[in-house]
């Protein structure tokens, strides 16, 4: 009998403790304020990524490959020449290489090779990543002159060290904005901000600035002897969500 009484007392104590915990949890939830903030830093890019292509077409696929290799060798030589492109091997990489049939040849190809001839296209693309932003226009001109007949992508970005540095600054701005909103809201309600209950830092995406994604050799030639390129600016943005206890 005494054992049964002890069990009843224990169960009752656990029940009351559960009620107390539920009430405390409810009270805690009711005494929280959720705010968010974002910070943006506008800056000048310090990296450039360019994709150059050499495209050759010929009914003889081996002849198209040979011509393509010759032109790409000339392009690579210009890129690595200390007096011209002055790029290191680490800054140059082959991004794509393809051989395909030309299913709808234009009038120029028909006039050159005939109407009922299978024509093959060989395309070789190299991507350059450089911090020499002031020479991008000259670099494009030199590569096109040496044999490249397409610039499929040109974008300006930030290096990882600069991104990390500016993101820290943007995070501080975001946190300050979130705190300011919490202070203003609770001040209007006649109370104040307590301790930080929870913080969430959201992933941020810093989009690159695209100059043009389809520059062909004829467009570059029409631009004049020197291709003008302006990097523009990029935004580094950070966002946070903060939960404060209400004092």
Protein backbone atom coordinates (compact mmCIF):
# COMPACT_ATOMS: atom_id res chain seq x y z
CA UNK A 1 0.00 0.00 0.00
CA UNK A 2 2.81 2.33 0.92
CA UNK A 3 4.47 1.52 -2.41
CA UNK A 4 1.30 2.42 -4.32
CA UNK A 5 1.08 5.76 -2.50
CA UNK A 6 4.68 6.54 -3.39
CA UNK A 7 3.98 5.80 -7.06
CA UNK A 8 0.89 8.02 -7.01
CA UNK A 9 2.87 10.86 -5.48
CA UNK A 10 5.65 10.40 -8.04
CA UNK A 11 3.25 10.42 -10.98
CA UNK A 12 1.52 13.50 -9.61
CA UNK A 13 4.87 15.26 -9.23
CA UNK A 14 5.86 14.43 -12.80
CA UNK A 15 2.47 15.63 -14.04
CA UNK A 16 2.81 18.94 -12.23
CA UNK A 17 6.38 19.31 -13.49
CA UNK A 18 5.15 18.77 -17.06
CA UNK A 19 2.52 21.45 -16.61
CA UNK A 20 5.16 23.81 -15.22
CA UNK A 21 7.52 23.12 -18.17
CA UNK A 22 4.71 23.64 -20.66
CA UNK A 23 3.77 26.92 -19.01
CA UNK A 24 7.41 28.05 -18.98
CA UNK A 25 7.82 27.10 -22.66
CA UNK A 26 4.63 28.91 -23.54
CA UNK A 27 5.72 31.94 -21.57
CA UNK A 28 9.15 31.91 -23.23
CA UNK A 29 7.62 31.70 -26.68
CA UNK A 30 5.29 34.55 -25.87
CA UNK A 31 8.21 36.74 -24.77
CA UNK A 32 10.26 36.58 -27.94
CA UNK A 33 10.55 38.97 -30.86
CA UNK A 34 11.71 37.85 -34.32
CA UNK A 35 13.41 40.37 -36.59
CA UNK A 36 15.52 40.21 -39.74
CA UNK A 37 17.95 42.52 -41.47
CA UNK A 38 20.02 42.72 -44.64
CA UNK A 39 23.20 44.53 -45.54
CA UNK A 40 24.63 45.31 -48.97
CA UNK A 41 28.09 46.49 -49.95
CA UNK A 42 28.58 47.79 -53.50
CA UNK A 43 32.10 47.39 -54.80
CA UNK A 44 34.26 47.11 -57.91
CA UNK A 45 35.02 43.59 -59.22
CA UNK A 46 38.58 42.33 -58.96
CA UNK A 47 38.27 39.20 -61.15
CA UNK A 48 37.24 38.61 -64.75
CA UNK A 49 36.25 35.36 -66.45
CA UNK A 50 36.28 35.18 -70.26
CA UNK A 51 35.52 32.24 -72.55
CA UNK A 52 37.16 32.30 -75.99
CA UNK A 53 36.17 29.89 -78.75
CA UNK A 54 37.78 28.68 -81.96
CA UNK A 55 35.20 27.17 -84.33
CA UNK A 56 36.18 25.56 -87.64
CA UNK A 57 33.97 23.88 -90.27
CA UNK A 58 34.89 21.50 -93.05
CA UNK A 59 33.49 18.42 -94.83
CA UNK A 60 36.73 16.67 -93.86
CA UNK A 61 36.55 16.29 -90.08
CA UNK A 62 40.30 15.74 -89.81
CA UNK A 63 40.95 18.92 -91.75
CA UNK A 64 38.57 20.80 -89.42
CA UNK A 65 40.41 19.39 -86.40
CA UNK A 66 43.81 20.31 -87.82
CA UNK A 67 42.77 23.88 -88.61
CA UNK A 68 41.16 24.23 -85.19
CA UNK A 69 44.29 22.98 -83.42
CA UNK A 70 46.50 25.39 -85.38
CA UNK A 71 44.33 28.40 -84.50
CA UNK A 72 43.98 27.40 -80.86
CA UNK A 73 47.75 26.98 -80.55
CA UNK A 74 48.10 30.57 -81.77
CA UNK A 75 45.48 31.75 -79.27
CA UNK A 76 47.21 29.95 -76.39
CA UNK A 77 50.57 31.42 -77.40
CA UNK A 78 49.14 34.95 -77.25
CA UNK A 79 47.52 34.30 -73.88
CA UNK A 80 50.79 33.06 -72.35
CA UNK A 81 53.14 35.51 -74.05
CA UNK A 82 54.65 37.79 -71.32
CA UNK A 83 54.55 40.71 -73.75
CA UNK A 84 50.89 40.15 -74.69
CA UNK A 85 48.37 38.23 -72.56
CA UNK A 86 50.90 37.56 -69.81
CA UNK A 87 48.71 34.85 -68.22
CA UNK A 88 49.92 31.88 -66.20
CA UNK A 89 48.84 28.28 -66.98
CA UNK A 90 46.73 28.34 -63.79
CA UNK A 91 44.65 31.17 -65.28
CA UNK A 92 43.80 29.25 -68.47
CA UNK A 93 41.69 26.10 -68.79
CA UNK A 94 39.89 24.23 -71.57
CA UNK A 95 36.17 24.40 -70.76
CA UNK A 96 34.75 22.49 -73.75
CA UNK A 97 35.70 20.63 -76.92
CA UNK A 98 33.17 19.22 -79.40
CA UNK A 99 32.80 17.78 -82.88
CA UNK A 100 29.36 17.83 -84.46
CA UNK A 101 27.60 17.81 -87.80
CA UNK A 102 26.28 21.09 -89.21
CA UNK A 103 22.63 20.27 -89.91
CA UNK A 104 21.60 23.65 -91.35
CA UNK A 105 24.57 25.14 -93.21
CA UNK A 106 24.20 28.78 -94.19
CA UNK A 107 24.64 30.17 -97.69
CA UNK A 108 28.32 30.90 -97.13
CA UNK A 109 29.07 27.27 -96.27
CA UNK A 110 26.97 26.02 -99.20
CA UNK A 111 28.83 28.29 -101.58
CA UNK A 112 32.18 27.13 -100.21
CA UNK A 113 31.57 23.36 -99.91
CA UNK A 114 28.44 22.67 -101.98
CA UNK A 115 24.79 21.94 -101.20
CA UNK A 116 24.68 18.20 -100.59
CA UNK A 117 27.82 17.82 -98.51
CA UNK A 118 28.05 16.80 -94.87
CA UNK A 119 29.92 19.51 -92.99
CA UNK A 120 31.49 19.04 -89.59
CA UNK A 121 32.06 21.69 -86.92
CA UNK A 122 34.91 21.51 -84.43
CA UNK A 123 34.67 23.85 -81.44
CA UNK A 124 37.31 24.40 -78.78
CA UNK A 125 36.67 26.80 -75.88
CA UNK A 126 39.16 28.01 -73.28
CA UNK A 127 38.22 29.98 -70.18
CA UNK A 128 40.50 32.64 -68.75
CA UNK A 129 40.29 33.89 -65.15
CA UNK A 130 42.37 36.97 -64.46
CA UNK A 131 42.70 39.94 -62.14
CA UNK A 132 44.15 42.14 -64.91
CA UNK A 133 40.89 44.00 -65.48
CA UNK A 134 42.53 46.98 -67.16
CA UNK A 135 43.79 44.75 -70.00
CA UNK A 136 40.58 42.81 -70.74
CA UNK A 137 39.71 44.82 -73.87
CA UNK A 138 43.22 44.47 -75.28
CA UNK A 139 43.25 40.76 -74.42
CA UNK A 140 40.04 40.18 -76.40
CA UNK A 141 41.47 42.05 -79.40
CA UNK A 142 44.71 40.06 -79.33
CA UNK A 143 42.96 36.70 -79.05
CA UNK A 144 40.50 37.45 -81.86
CA UNK A 145 43.36 38.63 -84.09
CA UNK A 146 45.25 35.40 -83.40
CA UNK A 147 42.37 33.16 -84.50
CA UNK A 148 39.53 33.04 -81.96
CA UNK A 149 36.15 33.71 -83.59
CA UNK A 150 33.87 33.83 -80.56
CA UNK A 151 33.67 35.16 -77.01
CA UNK A 152 30.84 33.16 -75.46
CA UNK A 153 30.98 34.64 -71.96
CA UNK A 154 32.50 37.61 -70.18
CA UNK A 155 31.71 38.22 -66.52
CA UNK A 156 33.20 40.19 -63.65
CA UNK A 157 33.29 38.71 -60.17
CA UNK A 158 35.01 39.01 -56.79
CA UNK A 159 37.90 36.95 -55.50
CA UNK A 160 37.23 34.75 -52.45
CA UNK A 161 39.29 36.91 -50.03
CA UNK A 162 37.50 40.10 -51.07
CA UNK A 163 34.11 38.38 -50.94
CA UNK A 164 34.78 37.15 -47.40
CA UNK A 165 35.96 40.58 -46.25
CA UNK A 166 32.98 42.45 -47.66
CA UNK A 167 30.49 39.82 -46.49
CA UNK A 168 31.68 40.39 -42.92
CA UNK A 169 30.94 44.09 -43.32
CA UNK A 170 27.54 43.33 -44.85
CA UNK A 171 26.70 40.98 -41.95
CA UNK A 172 27.46 43.71 -39.43
CA UNK A 173 25.10 46.07 -41.26
CA UNK A 174 22.42 43.36 -41.33
CA UNK A 175 22.72 42.67 -37.60
CA UNK A 176 22.62 46.39 -36.77
CA UNK A 177 19.42 46.78 -38.83
CA UNK A 178 17.80 43.81 -37.12
CA UNK A 179 18.67 45.18 -33.67
CA UNK A 180 17.42 48.66 -34.61
CA UNK A 181 14.06 47.20 -35.66
CA UNK A 182 13.79 45.25 -32.41
CA UNK A 183 14.67 48.33 -30.33
CA UNK A 184 12.19 50.56 -32.15
CA UNK A 185 9.36 48.02 -31.94
CA UNK A 186 9.77 47.18 -28.27
CA UNK A 187 10.34 50.81 -27.31
CA UNK A 188 6.99 51.66 -28.85
CA UNK A 189 5.44 48.88 -26.76
CA UNK A 190 6.99 50.25 -23.58
CA UNK A 191 9.52 47.48 -23.05
CA UNK A 192 13.06 46.60 -24.14
CA UNK A 193 15.28 44.05 -25.83
CA UNK A 194 16.69 41.20 -23.78
CA UNK A 195 19.29 38.57 -24.57
CA UNK A 196 19.71 37.00 -28.00
CA UNK A 197 17.70 33.79 -28.20
CA UNK A 198 18.59 32.60 -31.69
CA UNK A 199 20.45 33.82 -34.79
CA UNK A 200 20.23 32.50 -38.35
CA UNK A 201 22.64 33.66 -41.04
CA UNK A 202 21.19 33.08 -44.49
CA UNK A 203 23.25 31.96 -47.46
CA UNK A 204 23.90 34.81 -49.84
CA UNK A 205 24.44 34.82 -53.60
CA UNK A 206 26.53 37.51 -55.21
CA UNK A 207 25.67 37.55 -58.93
CA UNK A 208 28.46 38.33 -61.40
CA UNK A 209 28.17 41.24 -63.81
CA UNK A 210 27.86 40.02 -67.39
CA UNK A 211 29.22 42.27 -70.08
CA UNK A 212 27.93 40.19 -73.00
CA UNK A 213 27.34 36.48 -73.45
CA UNK A 214 27.56 36.39 -77.24
CA UNK A 215 30.38 38.43 -78.70
CA UNK A 216 31.35 37.26 -82.20
CA UNK A 217 34.46 38.20 -84.11
CA UNK A 218 32.53 40.42 -86.54
CA UNK A 219 30.98 42.38 -83.63
CA UNK A 220 34.39 42.87 -82.06
CA UNK A 221 35.87 44.00 -85.35
CA UNK A 222 33.06 46.54 -85.79
CA UNK A 223 33.82 47.99 -82.37
CA UNK A 224 37.10 49.45 -83.62
CA UNK A 225 40.78 48.75 -82.95
CA UNK A 226 40.32 48.55 -79.19
CA UNK A 227 37.36 46.84 -77.56
CA UNK A 228 36.05 49.01 -74.68
CA UNK A 229 35.21 47.03 -71.53
CA UNK A 230 33.86 48.55 -68.29
CA UNK A 231 33.67 46.24 -65.23
CA UNK A 232 30.83 48.12 -63.52
CA UNK A 233 30.06 47.14 -59.92
CA UNK A 234 28.87 44.11 -57.95
CA UNK A 235 26.84 43.80 -54.74
CA UNK A 236 27.78 41.70 -51.74
CA UNK A 237 24.65 41.03 -49.66
CA UNK A 238 24.17 39.32 -46.30
CA UNK A 239 20.93 38.54 -44.44
CA UNK A 240 20.28 37.52 -40.83
CA UNK A 241 17.28 36.57 -38.74
CA UNK A 242 17.52 37.24 -35.01
CA UNK A 243 15.25 36.24 -32.14
CA UNK A 244 15.53 38.35 -28.97
CA UNK A 245 14.02 37.79 -25.57
CA UNK A 246 11.74 40.62 -24.47
CA UNK A 247 13.05 42.21 -21.30
